[in-house]
Amino acid sequence: MVDANSKLIYAKEYWTGDSRDGRLTNGDGYHYYVMEKDGAILEAFEAYEDDDGEPVVTPLTETVGINWYHDLGYSDLENLDIIDEDEFSYMKEIWQEKNKETTSD
């Protein structure tokens, strides 16, 4: 349920198939979104687990700036699971930590 007082929507969408980063084939995971109520996507990540059960989170920069309704053609949020901001922030934190590890080596 979207909070009527909130200006932002935090949501995730289940996916199956190949990951957008090309590292997972025939798998599954979630796309995490922050969007405005009008459907404009402000930030997005893809998340899945690798073969060792470790989370892999990558930004979906190609979806930032597009609109859930106008550009992707959806008429509602039925395909999304509405989540708490904390769940989205946790995914973002995983990406930031992994990114920090690879850039500090």
PDB file of N, CA and C in Angstrom:
ATOM      1  N   MET A   1       0.841  -1.182   0.000  1.00  0.00           N
ATOM      2  CA  MET A   1       0.000   0.000   0.000  1.00  0.00           C
ATOM      3  C   MET A   1       0.887   1.245   0.000  1.00  0.00           C
ATOM      4  N   VAL A   2       0.611   2.157  -0.882  1.00  0.00           N
ATOM      5  CA  VAL A   2       1.374   3.395  -0.976  1.00  0.00           C
ATOM      6  C   VAL A   2       0.838   4.373   0.061  1.00  0.00           C
ATOM      7  N   ASP A   3       1.749   4.948   0.844  1.00  0.00           N
ATOM      8  CA  ASP A   3       1.382   5.944   1.851  1.00  0.00           C
ATOM      9  C   ASP A   3       0.926   7.216   1.148  1.00  0.00           C
ATOM     10  N   ALA A   4      -0.284   7.643   1.447  1.00  0.00           N
ATOM     11  CA  ALA A   4      -0.852   8.825   0.788  1.00  0.00           C
ATOM     12  C   ALA A   4      -0.068  10.092   1.097  1.00  0.00           C
ATOM     13  N   ASN A   5       0.628  10.132   2.233  1.00  0.00           N
ATOM     14  CA  ASN A   5       1.393  11.317   2.622  1.00  0.00           C
ATOM     15  C   ASN A   5       2.804  11.338   2.041  1.00  0.00           C
ATOM     16  N   SER A   6       3.284  10.210   1.592  1.00  0.00           N
ATOM     17  CA  SER A   6       4.642  10.122   1.071  1.00  0.00           C
ATOM     18  C   SER A   6       4.707  10.633  -0.364  1.00  0.00           C
ATOM     19  N   LYS A   7       5.787  11.318  -0.694  1.00  0.00           N
ATOM     20  CA  LYS A   7       5.985  11.819  -2.052  1.00  0.00           C
ATOM     21  C   LYS A   7       6.681  10.779  -2.928  1.00  0.00           C
ATOM     22  N   LEU A   8       7.305   9.780  -2.292  1.00  0.00           N
ATOM     23  CA  LEU A   8       8.054   8.768  -3.022  1.00  0.00           C
ATOM     24  C   LEU A   8       7.452   7.382  -2.809  1.00  0.00           C
ATOM     25  N   ILE A   9       7.631   6.543  -3.813  1.00  0.00           N
ATOM     26  CA  ILE A   9       7.213   5.149  -3.747  1.00  0.00           C
ATOM     27  C   ILE A   9       8.475   4.297  -3.779  1.00  0.00           C
ATOM     28  N   TYR A  10       8.583   3.369  -2.841  1.00  0.00           N
ATOM     29  CA  TYR A  10       9.675   2.397  -2.802  1.00  0.00           C
ATOM     30  C   TYR A  10       9.059   1.057  -3.183  1.00  0.00           C
ATOM     31  N   ALA A  11       9.634   0.408  -4.192  1.00  0.00           N
ATOM     32  CA  ALA A  11       9.017  -0.815  -4.695  1.00  0.00           C
ATOM     33  C   ALA A  11      10.066  -1.765  -5.241  1.00  0.00           C
ATOM     34  N   LYS A  12       9.662  -3.024  -5.371  1.00  0.00           N
ATOM     35  CA  LYS A  12      10.519  -4.008  -6.019  1.00  0.00           C
ATOM     36  C   LYS A  12       9.673  -4.835  -6.977  1.00  0.00           C
ATOM     37  N   GLU A  13      10.349  -5.348  -7.979  1.00  0.00           N
ATOM     38  CA  GLU A  13       9.707  -6.132  -9.030  1.00  0.00           C
ATOM     39  C   GLU A  13      10.509  -7.425  -9.190  1.00  0.00           C
ATOM     40  N   TYR A  14       9.845  -8.557  -9.090  1.00  0.00           N
ATOM     41  CA  TYR A  14      10.494  -9.857  -9.267  1.00  0.00           C
ATOM     42  C   TYR A  14      10.796 -10.080 -10.746  1.00  0.00           C
ATOM     43  N   TRP A  15      11.957 -10.638 -11.050  1.00  0.00           N
ATOM     44  CA  TRP A  15      12.302 -10.962 -12.427  1.00  0.00           C
ATOM     45  C   TRP A  15      12.922 -12.351 -12.491  1.00  0.00           C
ATOM     46  N   THR A  16      12.831 -12.973 -13.657  1.00  0.00           N
ATOM     47  CA  THR A  16      13.512 -14.237 -13.938  1.00  0.00           C
ATOM     48  C   THR A  16      14.200 -14.106 -15.286  1.00  0.00           C
ATOM     49  N   GLY A  17      15.257 -14.869 -15.454  1.00  0.00           N
ATOM     50  CA  GLY A  17      15.995 -14.833 -16.719  1.00  0.00           C
ATOM     51  C   GLY A  17      17.443 -14.479 -16.476  1.00  0.00           C
ATOM     52  N   ASP A  18      17.997 -13.676 -17.361  1.00  0.00           N
ATOM     53  CA  ASP A  18      19.400 -13.274 -17.281  1.00  0.00           C
ATOM     54  C   ASP A  18      19.494 -11.902 -16.607  1.00  0.00           C
ATOM     55  N   SER A  19      20.522 -11.743 -15.785  1.00  0.00           N
ATOM     56  CA  SER A  19      20.718 -10.452 -15.135  1.00  0.00           C
ATOM     57  C   SER A  19      21.195  -9.432 -16.158  1.00  0.00           C
ATOM     58  N   ARG A  20      20.935  -8.187 -15.865  1.00  0.00           N
ATOM     59  CA  ARG A  20      21.333  -7.122 -16.791  1.00  0.00           C
ATOM     60  C   ARG A  20      22.843  -6.925 -16.828  1.00  0.00           C
ATOM     61  N   ASP A  21      23.542  -7.349 -15.759  1.00  0.00           N
ATOM     62  CA  ASP A  21      24.999  -7.211 -15.759  1.00  0.00           C
ATOM     63  C   ASP A  21      25.678  -8.364 -16.492  1.00  0.00           C
ATOM     64  N   GLY A  22      24.893  -9.362 -16.932  1.00  0.00           N
ATOM     65  CA  GLY A  22      25.425 -10.466 -17.717  1.00  0.00           C
ATOM     66  C   GLY A  22      26.094 -11.564 -16.915  1.00  0.00           C
ATOM     67  N   ARG A  23      26.088 -11.467 -15.606  1.00  0.00           N
ATOM     68  CA  ARG A  23      26.789 -12.459 -14.779  1.00  0.00           C
ATOM     69  C   ARG A  23      25.908 -13.616 -14.334  1.00  0.00           C
ATOM     70  N   LEU A  24      24.597 -13.487 -14.470  1.00  0.00           N
ATOM     71  CA  LEU A  24      23.676 -14.541 -14.047  1.00  0.00           C
ATOM     72  C   LEU A  24      22.808 -14.947 -15.233  1.00  0.00           C
ATOM     73  N   THR A  25      22.773 -16.245 -15.504  1.00  0.00           N
ATOM     74  CA  THR A  25      21.957 -16.770 -16.590  1.00  0.00           C
ATOM     75  C   THR A  25      20.877 -17.662 -15.997  1.00  0.00           C
ATOM     76  N   ASN A  26      19.667 -17.500 -16.487  1.00  0.00           N
ATOM     77  CA  ASN A  26      18.531 -18.310 -16.030  1.00  0.00           C
ATOM     78  C   ASN A  26      18.366 -18.252 -14.515  1.00  0.00           C
ATOM     79  N   GLY A  27      18.435 -17.072 -13.971  1.00  0.00           N
ATOM     80  CA  GLY A  27      18.277 -16.886 -12.533  1.00  0.00           C
ATOM     81  C   GLY A  27      17.056 -16.049 -12.215  1.00  0.00           C
ATOM     82  N   ASP A  28      17.060 -15.498 -11.022  1.00  0.00           N
ATOM     83  CA  ASP A  28      15.969 -14.616 -10.625  1.00  0.00           C
ATOM     84  C   ASP A  28      16.461 -13.641  -9.580  1.00  0.00           C
ATOM     85  N   GLY A  29      15.689 -12.612  -9.377  1.00  0.00           N
ATOM     86  CA  GLY A  29      16.038 -11.595  -8.406  1.00  0.00           C
ATOM     87  C   GLY A  29      14.976 -10.505  -8.399  1.00  0.00           C
ATOM     88  N   TYR A  30      15.374  -9.323  -7.969  1.00  0.00           N
ATOM     89  CA  TYR A  30      14.444  -8.200  -7.884  1.00  0.00           C
ATOM     90  C   TYR A  30      15.057  -6.949  -8.492  1.00  0.00           C
ATOM     91  N   HIS A  31      14.196  -6.135  -9.067  1.00  0.00           N
ATOM     92  CA  HIS A  31      14.546  -4.771  -9.432  1.00  0.00           C
ATOM     93  C   HIS A  31      13.938  -3.886  -8.360  1.00  0.00           C
ATOM     94  N   TYR A  32      14.752  -3.039  -7.781  1.00  0.00           N
ATOM     95  CA  TYR A  32      14.312  -2.119  -6.721  1.00  0.00           C
ATOM     96  C   TYR A  32      14.217  -0.715  -7.300  1.00  0.00           C
ATOM     97  N   TYR A  33      13.127  -0.029  -6.974  1.00  0.00           N
ATOM     98  CA  TYR A  33      12.895   1.308  -7.515  1.00  0.00           C
ATOM     99  C   TYR A  33      12.536   2.312  -6.427  1.00  0.00           C
ATOM    100  N   VAL A  34      12.960   3.545  -6.640  1.00  0.00           N
ATOM    101  CA  VAL A  34      12.410   4.709  -5.945  1.00  0.00           C
ATOM    102  C   VAL A  34      11.805   5.546  -7.048  1.00  0.00           C
ATOM    103  N   MET A  35      10.528   5.855  -6.892  1.00  0.00           N
ATOM    104  CA  MET A  35       9.881   6.668  -7.919  1.00  0.00           C
ATOM    105  C   MET A  35       8.929   7.672  -7.301  1.00  0.00           C
ATOM    106  N   GLU A  36       8.683   8.698  -8.064  1.00  0.00           N
ATOM    107  CA  GLU A  36       7.694   9.679  -7.647  1.00  0.00           C
ATOM    108  C   GLU A  36       6.311   9.093  -7.891  1.00  0.00           C
ATOM    109  N   LYS A  37       5.308   9.679  -7.263  1.00  0.00           N
ATOM    110  CA  LYS A  37       3.954   9.149  -7.415  1.00  0.00           C
ATOM    111  C   LYS A  37       3.466   9.179  -8.864  1.00  0.00           C
ATOM    112  N   ASP A  38       4.028  10.071  -9.675  1.00  0.00           N
ATOM    113  CA  ASP A  38       3.613  10.123 -11.080  1.00  0.00           C
ATOM    114  C   ASP A  38       4.297   9.042 -11.916  1.00  0.00           C
ATOM    115  N   GLY A  39       5.157   8.208 -11.286  1.00  0.00           N
ATOM    116  CA  GLY A  39       5.813   7.094 -11.966  1.00  0.00           C
ATOM    117  C   GLY A  39       7.230   7.365 -12.432  1.00  0.00           C
ATOM    118  N   ALA A  40       7.744   8.563 -12.236  1.00  0.00           N
ATOM    119  CA  ALA A  40       9.114   8.877 -12.652  1.00  0.00           C
ATOM    120  C   ALA A  40      10.103   8.118 -11.764  1.00  0.00           C
ATOM    121  N   ILE A  41      10.954   7.317 -12.383  1.00  0.00           N
ATOM    122  CA  ILE A  41      11.936   6.523 -11.632  1.00  0.00           C
ATOM    123  C   ILE A  41      13.142   7.396 -11.320  1.00  0.00           C
ATOM    124  N   LEU A  42      13.457   7.505 -10.031  1.00  0.00           N
ATOM    125  CA  LEU A  42      14.554   8.347  -9.566  1.00  0.00           C
ATOM    126  C   LEU A  42      15.841   7.561  -9.335  1.00  0.00           C
ATOM    127  N   GLU A  43      15.681   6.305  -8.929  1.00  0.00           N
ATOM    128  CA  GLU A  43      16.840   5.470  -8.622  1.00  0.00           C
ATOM    129  C   GLU A  43      16.403   4.016  -8.741  1.00  0.00           C
ATOM    130  N   ALA A  44      17.310   3.143  -9.221  1.00  0.00           N
ATOM    131  CA  ALA A  44      16.945   1.742  -9.406  1.00  0.00           C
ATOM    132  C   ALA A  44      18.170   0.846  -9.293  1.00  0.00           C
ATOM    133  N   PHE A  45      17.942  -0.345  -8.748  1.00  0.00           N
ATOM    134  CA  PHE A  45      18.986  -1.356  -8.612  1.00  0.00           C
ATOM    135  C   PHE A  45      18.426  -2.719  -8.990  1.00  0.00           C
ATOM    136  N   GLU A  46      19.320  -3.591  -9.466  1.00  0.00           N
ATOM    137  CA  GLU A  46      18.989  -4.992  -9.676  1.00  0.00           C
ATOM    138  C   GLU A  46      19.708  -5.786  -8.595  1.00  0.00           C
ATOM    139  N   ALA A  47      19.027  -6.763  -8.016  1.00  0.00           N
ATOM    140  CA  ALA A  47      19.633  -7.567  -6.950  1.00  0.00           C
ATOM    141  C   ALA A  47      19.338  -9.045  -7.172  1.00  0.00           C
ATOM    142  N   TYR A  48      20.348  -9.865  -6.921  1.00  0.00           N
ATOM    143  CA  TYR A  48      20.198 -11.320  -6.957  1.00  0.00           C
ATOM    144  C   TYR A  48      21.307 -11.920  -6.107  1.00  0.00           C
ATOM    145  N   GLU A  49      21.263 -13.225  -5.898  1.00  0.00           N
ATOM    146  CA  GLU A  49      22.318 -13.910  -5.154  1.00  0.00           C
ATOM    147  C   GLU A  49      23.205 -14.668  -6.122  1.00  0.00           C
ATOM    148  N   ASP A  50      24.518 -14.642  -5.867  1.00  0.00           N
ATOM    149  CA  ASP A  50      25.435 -15.408  -6.703  1.00  0.00           C
ATOM    150  C   ASP A  50      25.415 -16.877  -6.268  1.00  0.00           C
ATOM    151  N   ASP A  51      26.255 -17.699  -6.883  1.00  0.00           N
ATOM    152  CA  ASP A  51      26.275 -19.137  -6.585  1.00  0.00           C
ATOM    153  C   ASP A  51      26.637 -19.448  -5.139  1.00  0.00           C
ATOM    154  N   ASP A  52      27.328 -18.524  -4.476  1.00  0.00           N
ATOM    155  CA  ASP A  52      27.713 -18.709  -3.073  1.00  0.00           C
ATOM    156  C   ASP A  52      26.685 -18.129  -2.110  1.00  0.00           C
ATOM    157  N   GLY A  53      25.576 -17.608  -2.641  1.00  0.00           N
ATOM    158  CA  GLY A  53      24.541 -17.026  -1.792  1.00  0.00           C
ATOM    159  C   GLY A  53      24.818 -15.595  -1.374  1.00  0.00           C
ATOM    160  N   GLU A  54      25.840 -14.991  -1.979  1.00  0.00           N
ATOM    161  CA  GLU A  54      26.170 -13.604  -1.667  1.00  0.00           C
ATOM    162  C   GLU A  54      25.324 -12.665  -2.519  1.00  0.00           C
ATOM    163  N   PRO A  55      24.830 -11.579  -1.938  1.00  0.00           N
ATOM    164  CA  PRO A  55      24.024 -10.657  -2.731  1.00  0.00           C
ATOM    165  C   PRO A  55      24.873  -9.892  -3.749  1.00  0.00           C
ATOM    166  N   VAL A  56      24.304  -9.722  -4.932  1.00  0.00           N
ATOM    167  CA  VAL A  56      24.913  -8.927  -5.991  1.00  0.00           C
ATOM    168  C   VAL A  56      23.911  -7.816  -6.305  1.00  0.00           C
ATOM    169  N   VAL A  57      24.351  -6.584  -6.182  1.00  0.00           N
ATOM    170  CA  VAL A  57      23.486  -5.433  -6.431  1.00  0.00           C
ATOM    171  C   VAL A  57      24.191  -4.505  -7.409  1.00  0.00           C
ATOM    172  N   THR A  58      23.494  -4.155  -8.478  1.00  0.00           N
ATOM    173  CA  THR A  58      24.052  -3.241  -9.466  1.00  0.00           C
ATOM    174  C   THR A  58      23.017  -2.169  -9.812  1.00  0.00           C
ATOM    175  N   PRO A  59      23.482  -0.963 -10.084  1.00  0.00           N
ATOM    176  CA  PRO A  59      22.544   0.103 -10.455  1.00  0.00           C
ATOM    177  C   PRO A  59      21.911  -0.164 -11.819  1.00  0.00           C
ATOM    178  N   LEU A  60      20.670   0.224 -11.953  1.00  0.00           N
ATOM    179  CA  LEU A  60      19.968   0.158 -13.242  1.00  0.00           C
ATOM    180  C   LEU A  60      19.869   1.579 -13.788  1.00  0.00           C
ATOM    181  N   THR A  61      20.996   2.098 -14.191  1.00  0.00           N
ATOM    182  CA  THR A  61      21.050   3.497 -14.628  1.00  0.00           C
ATOM    183  C   THR A  61      20.175   3.761 -15.849  1.00  0.00           C
ATOM    184  N   GLU A  62      19.945   2.739 -16.665  1.00  0.00           N
ATOM    185  CA  GLU A  62      19.134   2.931 -17.867  1.00  0.00           C
ATOM    186  C   GLU A  62      17.658   3.181 -17.562  1.00  0.00           C
ATOM    187  N   THR A  63      17.225   2.888 -16.339  1.00  0.00           N
ATOM    188  CA  THR A  63      15.816   3.122 -15.990  1.00  0.00           C
ATOM    189  C   THR A  63      15.594   4.458 -15.285  1.00  0.00           C
ATOM    190  N   VAL A  64      16.664   5.077 -14.828  1.00  0.00           N
ATOM    191  CA  VAL A  64      16.526   6.367 -14.138  1.00  0.00           C
ATOM    192  C   VAL A  64      16.079   7.425 -15.146  1.00  0.00           C
ATOM    193  N   GLY A  65      15.042   8.139 -14.775  1.00  0.00           N
ATOM    194  CA  GLY A  65      14.522   9.189 -15.640  1.00  0.00           C
ATOM    195  C   GLY A  65      13.383   8.749 -16.537  1.00  0.00           C
ATOM    196  N   ILE A  66      13.126   7.437 -16.603  1.00  0.00           N
ATOM    197  CA  ILE A  66      11.968   7.007 -17.386  1.00  0.00           C
ATOM    198  C   ILE A  66      10.760   6.885 -16.465  1.00  0.00           C
ATOM    199  N   ASN A  67       9.602   6.751 -17.050  1.00  0.00           N
ATOM    200  CA  ASN A  67       8.371   6.753 -16.279  1.00  0.00           C
ATOM    201  C   ASN A  67       7.700   5.387 -16.344  1.00  0.00           C
ATOM    202  N   TRP A  68       7.336   4.878 -15.159  1.00  0.00           N
ATOM    203  CA  TRP A  68       6.698   3.569 -15.032  1.00  0.00           C
ATOM    204  C   TRP A  68       5.433   3.486 -15.881  1.00  0.00           C
ATOM    205  N   TYR A  69       4.687   4.557 -15.922  1.00  0.00           N
ATOM    206  CA  TYR A  69       3.418   4.565 -16.658  1.00  0.00           C
ATOM    207  C   TYR A  69       3.616   4.926 -18.127  1.00  0.00           C
ATOM    208  N   HIS A  70       4.199   6.050 -18.390  1.00  0.00           N
ATOM    209  CA  HIS A  70       4.289   6.571 -19.754  1.00  0.00           C
ATOM    210  C   HIS A  70       5.289   5.805 -20.619  1.00  0.00           C
ATOM    211  N   ASP A  71       6.485   5.564 -20.099  1.00  0.00           N
ATOM    212  CA  ASP A  71       7.530   4.928 -20.897  1.00  0.00           C
ATOM    213  C   ASP A  71       7.456   3.407 -20.890  1.00  0.00           C
ATOM    214  N   LEU A  72       7.098   2.827 -19.745  1.00  0.00           N
ATOM    215  CA  LEU A  72       7.039   1.367 -19.651  1.00  0.00           C
ATOM    216  C   LEU A  72       5.648   0.820 -19.921  1.00  0.00           C
ATOM    217  N   GLY A  73       4.648   1.692 -19.990  1.00  0.00           N
ATOM    218  CA  GLY A  73       3.313   1.289 -20.415  1.00  0.00           C
ATOM    219  C   GLY A  73       2.413   0.671 -19.366  1.00  0.00           C
ATOM    220  N   TYR A  74       2.787   0.757 -18.110  1.00  0.00           N
ATOM    221  CA  TYR A  74       1.930   0.194 -17.062  1.00  0.00           C
ATOM    222  C   TYR A  74       0.822   1.190 -16.701  1.00  0.00           C
ATOM    223  N   SER A  75      -0.333   0.666 -16.322  1.00  0.00           N
ATOM    224  CA  SER A  75      -1.448   1.534 -15.941  1.00  0.00           C
ATOM    225  C   SER A  75      -1.596   1.639 -14.431  1.00  0.00           C
ATOM    226  N   ASP A  76      -0.858   0.789 -13.694  1.00  0.00           N
ATOM    227  CA  ASP A  76      -0.921   0.815 -12.231  1.00  0.00           C
ATOM    228  C   ASP A  76       0.367   0.211 -11.671  1.00  0.00           C
ATOM    229  N   LEU A  77       0.388   0.010 -10.361  1.00  0.00           N
ATOM    230  CA  LEU A  77       1.576  -0.535  -9.694  1.00  0.00           C
ATOM    231  C   LEU A  77       1.417  -2.018  -9.359  1.00  0.00           C
ATOM    232  N   GLU A  78       0.462  -2.680  -9.995  1.00  0.00           N
ATOM    233  CA  GLU A  78       0.135  -4.065  -9.667  1.00  0.00           C
ATOM    234  C   GLU A  78       1.324  -5.014  -9.790  1.00  0.00           C
ATOM    235  N   ASN A  79       2.251  -4.770 -10.704  1.00  0.00           N
ATOM    236  CA  ASN A  79       3.413  -5.653 -10.892  1.00  0.00           C
ATOM    237  C   ASN A  79       4.497  -5.440  -9.846  1.00  0.00           C
ATOM    238  N   LEU A  80       4.323  -4.448  -8.996  1.00  0.00           N
ATOM    239  CA  LEU A  80       5.331  -4.117  -7.995  1.00  0.00           C
ATOM    240  C   LEU A  80       4.882  -4.521  -6.594  1.00  0.00           C
ATOM    241  N   ASP A  81       5.865  -4.865  -5.772  1.00  0.00           N
ATOM    242  CA  ASP A  81       5.637  -5.029  -4.345  1.00  0.00           C
ATOM    243  C   ASP A  81       6.102  -3.739  -3.689  1.00  0.00           C
ATOM    244  N   ILE A  82       5.205  -3.060  -2.997  1.00  0.00           N
ATOM    245  CA  ILE A  82       5.571  -1.835  -2.298  1.00  0.00           C
ATOM    246  C   ILE A  82       6.366  -2.232  -1.050  1.00  0.00           C
ATOM    247  N   ILE A  83       7.500  -1.586  -0.852  1.00  0.00           N
ATOM    248  CA  ILE A  83       8.405  -1.924   0.249  1.00  0.00           C
ATOM    249  C   ILE A  83       8.680  -0.684   1.095  1.00  0.00           C
ATOM    250  N   ASP A  84       9.308  -0.914   2.234  1.00  0.00           N
ATOM    251  CA  ASP A  84       9.746   0.186   3.086  1.00  0.00           C
ATOM    252  C   ASP A  84      11.019   0.814   2.512  1.00  0.00           C
ATOM    253  N   GLU A  85      11.218   2.059   2.829  1.00  0.00           N
ATOM    254  CA  GLU A  85      12.435   2.754   2.409  1.00  0.00           C
ATOM    255  C   GLU A  85      13.672   2.013   2.910  1.00  0.00           C
ATOM    256  N   ASP A  86      13.580   1.404   4.096  1.00  0.00           N
ATOM    257  CA  ASP A  86      14.716   0.683   4.668  1.00  0.00           C
ATOM    258  C   ASP A  86      15.186  -0.474   3.787  1.00  0.00           C
ATOM    259  N   GLU A  87      14.255  -1.184   3.174  1.00  0.00           N
ATOM    260  CA  GLU A  87      14.641  -2.303   2.312  1.00  0.00           C
ATOM    261  C   GLU A  87      15.403  -1.795   1.091  1.00  0.00           C
ATOM    262  N   PHE A  88      14.916  -0.712   0.485  1.00  0.00           N
ATOM    263  CA  PHE A  88      15.627  -0.123  -0.648  1.00  0.00           C
ATOM    264  C   PHE A  88      17.000   0.365  -0.206  1.00  0.00           C
ATOM    265  N   SER A  89      17.055   1.040   0.922  1.00  0.00           N
ATOM    266  CA  SER A  89      18.322   1.582   1.433  1.00  0.00           C
ATOM    267  C   SER A  89      19.329   0.472   1.701  1.00  0.00           C
ATOM    268  N   TYR A  90      18.856  -0.679   2.159  1.00  0.00           N
ATOM    269  CA  TYR A  90      19.730  -1.823   2.416  1.00  0.00           C
ATOM    270  C   TYR A  90      20.369  -2.304   1.111  1.00  0.00           C
ATOM    271  N   MET A  91      19.594  -2.387   0.044  1.00  0.00           N
ATOM    272  CA  MET A  91      20.143  -2.792  -1.259  1.00  0.00           C
ATOM    273  C   MET A  91      21.178  -1.781  -1.747  1.00  0.00           C
ATOM    274  N   LYS A  92      20.867  -0.518  -1.598  1.00  0.00           N
ATOM    275  CA  LYS A  92      21.791   0.543  -2.003  1.00  0.00           C
ATOM    276  C   LYS A  92      23.091   0.459  -1.188  1.00  0.00           C
ATOM    277  N   GLU A  93      22.955   0.180   0.084  1.00  0.00           N
ATOM    278  CA  GLU A  93      24.121   0.051   0.966  1.00  0.00           C
ATOM    279  C   GLU A  93      25.014  -1.105   0.531  1.00  0.00           C
ATOM    280  N   ILE A  94      24.411  -2.231   0.157  1.00  0.00           N
ATOM    281  CA  ILE A  94      25.194  -3.379  -0.322  1.00  0.00           C
ATOM    282  C   ILE A  94      26.007  -2.965  -1.543  1.00  0.00           C
ATOM    283  N   TRP A  95      25.356  -2.275  -2.491  1.00  0.00           N
ATOM    284  CA  TRP A  95      26.063  -1.831  -3.693  1.00  0.00           C
ATOM    285  C   TRP A  95      27.201  -0.881  -3.326  1.00  0.00           C
ATOM    286  N   GLN A  96      26.945   0.069  -2.432  1.00  0.00           N
ATOM    287  CA  GLN A  96      27.974   1.029  -2.050  1.00  0.00           C
ATOM    288  C   GLN A  96      29.158   0.335  -1.388  1.00  0.00           C
ATOM    289  N   GLU A  97      28.885  -0.638  -0.525  1.00  0.00           N
ATOM    290  CA  GLU A  97      29.973  -1.367   0.142  1.00  0.00           C
ATOM    291  C   GLU A  97      30.793  -2.170  -0.862  1.00  0.00           C
ATOM    292  N   LYS A  98      30.132  -2.886  -1.766  1.00  0.00           N
ATOM    293  CA  LYS A  98      30.844  -3.682  -2.768  1.00  0.00           C
ATOM    294  C   LYS A  98      31.626  -2.766  -3.712  1.00  0.00           C
ATOM    295  N   ASN A  99      31.044  -1.634  -4.068  1.00  0.00           N
ATOM    296  CA  ASN A  99      31.701  -0.701  -4.953  1.00  0.00           C
ATOM    297  C   ASN A  99      32.926  -0.083  -4.279  1.00  0.00           C
ATOM    298  N   LYS A 100      32.806   0.192  -2.987  1.00  0.00           N
ATOM    299  CA  LYS A 100      33.927   0.746  -2.233  1.00  0.00           C
ATOM    300  C   LYS A 100      35.080  -0.256  -2.192  1.00  0.00           C
ATOM    301  N   GLU A 101      34.745  -1.554  -2.026  1.00  0.00           N
ATOM    302  CA  GLU A 101      35.772  -2.605  -1.983  1.00  0.00           C
ATOM    303  C   GLU A 101      36.544  -2.679  -3.284  1.00  0.00           C
ATOM    304  N   THR A 102      35.836  -2.577  -4.416  1.00  0.00           N
ATOM    305  CA  THR A 102      36.507  -2.727  -5.710  1.00  0.00           C
ATOM    306  C   THR A 102      37.291  -1.481  -6.099  1.00  0.00           C
ATOM    307  N   THR A 103      36.885  -0.306  -5.627  1.00  0.00           N
ATOM    308  CA  THR A 103      37.607   0.913  -5.995  1.00  0.00           C
ATOM    309  C   THR A 103      38.770   1.211  -5.052  1.00  0.00           C
ATOM    310  N   SER A 104      38.795   0.569  -3.890  1.00  0.00           N
ATOM    311  CA  SER A 104      39.876   0.861  -2.941  1.00  0.00           C
ATOM    312  C   SER A 104      41.056  -0.097  -3.087  1.00  0.00           C
ATOM    313  N   ASP A 105      40.923  -1.121  -3.930  1.00  0.00           N
ATOM    314  CA  ASP A 105      42.017  -2.080  -4.117  1.00  0.00           C
ATOM    315  C   ASP A 105      43.148  -1.510  -4.943  1.00  0.00           C
TER     316      ASP A 105
END
